[in-house]
Amino acid sequence: MDIRSPRLSELPVLQDIERAAGQRYHETGMPEIAEDEPLPLDVLARYQRDGRAWVAVDAAGIPVGYLIADHVDGNFHVEQVSVHPGSARRGVGRSLLEHLAGHARNRQVPALTLTTFADVPWNAPYYTRCGFRVLAESSLTPGLREIREREAAHGLDRWPRVCMRRDL
């Protein structure tokens, strides 16, 4: 599997990947998450232009997963990572996270952070297996607090959420 920057022409494919991956949330009684629209193309294009977007492509060069990241409090923050269900459970998500970790190390960034659902098996439990740890509320940085406030305003706190960190 190769990981590279997405092409502008592939950005609609990233939206399709996110829509398809989101359907699993129906299994957990979270239909609002399952039906949430992916990021708009102009936002994805900004990540691509800024060098903060990566795709995992299959042998035919077709994107099967993607990751976008922000800079938050001196760390790389995983804004979104999605893998098409047809390519799930093959290490695609982990490979994208490892790619970001290598990118961060090369830039002397000390950690990766993310926010996620605490009780969804492919969220916090998965990220724990990938080397992340749950942060206590008292140890959240200002940027992570701001992200959590935006998530709460968007209605995501209907289900338990956590901030996580992976030191590099």
Protein backbone atom coordinates (compact mmCIF):
# COMPACT_ATOMS: atom_id res chain seq x y z
CA MET A 1 0.00 0.00 0.00
CA ASP A 2 1.28 3.44 -0.90
CA ILE A 3 0.56 6.61 1.03
CA ARG A 4 0.81 9.92 -0.75
CA SER A 5 -0.79 13.34 -1.02
CA PRO A 6 -4.21 13.27 -2.64
CA ARG A 7 -4.75 14.76 -6.07
CA LEU A 8 -7.39 17.47 -6.38
CA SER A 9 -9.39 15.17 -8.65
CA GLU A 10 -9.51 12.58 -5.83
CA LEU A 11 -11.11 14.82 -3.22
CA PRO A 12 -14.67 13.67 -4.08
CA VAL A 13 -13.41 10.10 -3.55
CA LEU A 14 -12.36 11.10 -0.02
CA GLN A 15 -15.90 12.28 0.64
CA ASP A 16 -17.21 8.94 -0.65
CA ILE A 17 -14.80 7.06 1.64
CA GLU A 18 -16.01 9.05 4.65
CA ARG A 19 -19.67 8.48 3.78
CA ALA A 20 -19.11 4.74 3.36
CA ALA A 21 -17.04 4.45 6.55
CA GLY A 22 -19.64 6.41 8.48
CA GLN A 23 -22.33 3.83 7.79
CA ARG A 24 -20.87 1.63 10.55
CA TYR A 25 -22.22 4.10 13.09
CA HIS A 26 -25.71 2.74 12.38
CA GLU A 27 -24.53 -0.43 14.18
CA THR A 28 -23.86 1.56 17.36
CA GLY A 29 -27.14 3.46 17.47
CA MET A 30 -25.52 6.67 16.25
CA PRO A 31 -27.47 7.42 13.04
CA GLU A 32 -26.70 11.13 13.25
CA ILE A 33 -22.99 10.35 12.94
CA ALA A 34 -23.64 7.85 10.15
CA GLU A 35 -25.52 10.45 8.13
CA ASP A 36 -23.24 13.41 8.87
CA GLU A 37 -21.92 14.94 5.67
CA PRO A 38 -18.17 14.81 5.01
CA LEU A 39 -16.05 17.93 4.87
CA PRO A 40 -16.73 20.14 1.85
CA LEU A 41 -14.39 19.95 -1.13
CA ASP A 42 -12.96 23.42 -0.50
CA VAL A 43 -11.95 22.41 3.03
CA LEU A 44 -10.37 19.17 1.79
CA ALA A 45 -8.58 21.19 -0.90
CA ARG A 46 -7.10 23.46 1.78
CA TYR A 47 -5.71 20.43 3.64
CA GLN A 48 -4.31 19.09 0.36
CA ARG A 49 -2.76 22.44 -0.58
CA ASP A 50 -1.25 22.86 2.90
CA GLY A 51 0.35 19.40 2.82
CA ARG A 52 -1.80 18.08 5.66
CA ALA A 53 -3.72 15.39 3.77
CA TRP A 54 -2.68 11.87 2.81
CA VAL A 55 -4.34 8.98 1.02
CA ALA A 56 -3.67 5.28 1.19
CA VAL A 57 -4.05 3.81 -2.29
CA ASP A 58 -4.56 0.24 -3.41
CA ALA A 59 -2.52 -1.57 -6.06
CA ALA A 60 -4.51 0.18 -8.80
CA GLY A 61 -3.74 3.59 -7.29
CA ILE A 62 -7.30 4.14 -6.05
CA PRO A 63 -7.66 5.83 -2.63
CA VAL A 64 -9.07 3.46 0.01
CA GLY A 65 -8.43 5.62 3.08
CA TYR A 66 -7.36 9.10 4.03
CA LEU A 67 -6.13 11.21 6.92
CA ILE A 68 -6.13 14.97 7.42
CA ALA A 69 -4.34 16.75 10.24
CA ASP A 70 -4.24 20.17 11.88
CA HIS A 71 -1.56 21.90 13.92
CA VAL A 72 -2.83 22.20 17.51
CA ASP A 73 -0.69 23.42 20.39
CA GLY A 74 2.56 22.36 18.72
CA ASN A 75 1.33 18.87 17.82
CA PHE A 76 -0.32 17.27 14.82
CA HIS A 77 -4.01 16.74 15.52
CA VAL A 78 -5.78 14.00 13.54
CA GLU A 79 -8.84 15.83 12.27
CA GLN A 80 -10.18 12.89 10.29
CA VAL A 81 -9.08 9.40 9.38
CA SER A 82 -11.42 7.22 7.34
CA VAL A 83 -11.03 3.87 5.60
CA HIS A 84 -13.48 2.49 3.07
CA PRO A 85 -15.26 -0.56 4.57
CA GLY A 86 -14.08 -2.69 1.63
CA SER A 87 -10.49 -2.12 2.80
CA ALA A 88 -11.12 -2.19 6.56
CA ARG A 89 -9.18 -4.45 8.90
CA ARG A 90 -6.13 -4.52 6.62
CA GLY A 91 -3.95 -1.99 8.45
CA VAL A 92 -4.89 1.00 6.29
CA GLY A 93 -5.83 3.26 9.21
CA ARG A 94 -2.77 2.25 11.20
CA SER A 95 -0.55 2.86 8.16
CA LEU A 96 -1.99 6.35 7.77
CA LEU A 97 -1.39 7.07 11.46
CA GLU A 98 2.18 5.76 11.21
CA HIS A 99 2.75 7.93 8.15
CA LEU A 100 1.61 10.98 10.10
CA ALA A 101 3.83 9.97 13.02
CA GLY A 102 6.85 9.78 10.69
CA HIS A 103 5.94 13.13 9.16
CA ALA A 104 5.70 14.60 12.67
CA ARG A 105 9.03 13.13 13.79
CA ASN A 106 10.74 14.58 10.72
CA ARG A 107 9.46 17.99 11.78
CA GLN A 108 10.33 17.44 15.45
CA VAL A 109 6.66 17.54 16.44
CA PRO A 110 6.40 15.88 19.85
CA ALA A 111 2.99 14.21 19.65
CA LEU A 112 -0.18 13.32 17.76
CA THR A 113 -3.55 14.14 19.29
CA LEU A 114 -7.14 13.39 18.37
CA THR A 115 -10.65 13.41 19.75
CA THR A 116 -12.91 10.40 19.37
CA PHE A 117 -15.84 8.46 20.77
CA ALA A 118 -14.89 6.65 23.97
CA ASP A 119 -17.03 3.55 23.57
CA VAL A 120 -17.05 2.85 19.83
CA PRO A 121 -14.74 -0.17 19.19
CA TRP A 122 -13.07 1.35 16.12
CA ASN A 123 -12.53 4.67 17.93
CA ALA A 124 -10.85 5.02 21.37
CA PRO A 125 -10.15 1.28 21.85
CA TYR A 126 -8.58 1.13 18.38
CA TYR A 127 -6.47 4.25 18.94
CA THR A 128 -5.27 2.81 22.25
CA ARG A 129 -3.94 -0.18 20.30
CA CYS A 130 -2.20 2.33 18.01
CA GLY A 131 -0.29 3.88 20.92
CA PHE A 132 -2.60 6.70 21.97
CA ARG A 133 -3.65 7.30 25.58
CA VAL A 134 -6.73 9.05 26.92
CA LEU A 135 -6.01 12.48 28.39
CA ALA A 136 -7.59 13.60 31.63
CA GLU A 137 -9.76 16.71 31.32
CA SER A 138 -7.31 18.57 33.55
CA SER A 139 -4.44 17.96 31.12
CA LEU A 140 -6.13 19.26 27.97
CA THR A 141 -4.28 22.02 26.18
CA PRO A 142 -6.12 25.21 25.19
CA GLY A 143 -6.42 24.04 21.58
CA LEU A 144 -7.88 20.68 22.58
CA ARG A 145 -10.36 22.43 24.87
CA GLU A 146 -11.43 24.61 21.95
CA ILE A 147 -11.89 21.55 19.72
CA ARG A 148 -13.99 19.85 22.40
CA GLU A 149 -16.14 22.98 22.75
CA ARG A 150 -16.79 23.02 18.97
CA GLU A 151 -17.64 19.32 19.07
CA ALA A 152 -20.06 19.85 21.94
CA ALA A 153 -21.71 22.72 20.06
CA HIS A 154 -22.06 20.37 17.07
CA GLY A 155 -23.92 17.87 19.30
CA LEU A 156 -21.19 15.22 19.50
CA ASP A 157 -21.30 15.09 23.30
CA ARG A 158 -24.51 13.11 23.09
CA TRP A 159 -22.09 10.18 23.27
CA PRO A 160 -18.99 10.02 25.49
CA ARG A 161 -15.92 11.58 23.84
CA VAL A 162 -12.27 11.66 24.82
CA CYS A 163 -9.10 13.45 23.81
CA MET A 164 -6.13 11.19 23.15
CA ARG A 165 -2.40 11.72 22.70
CA ARG A 166 0.43 9.66 21.28
CA ASP A 167 3.88 10.87 22.28
CA LEU A 168 6.49 10.43 19.57
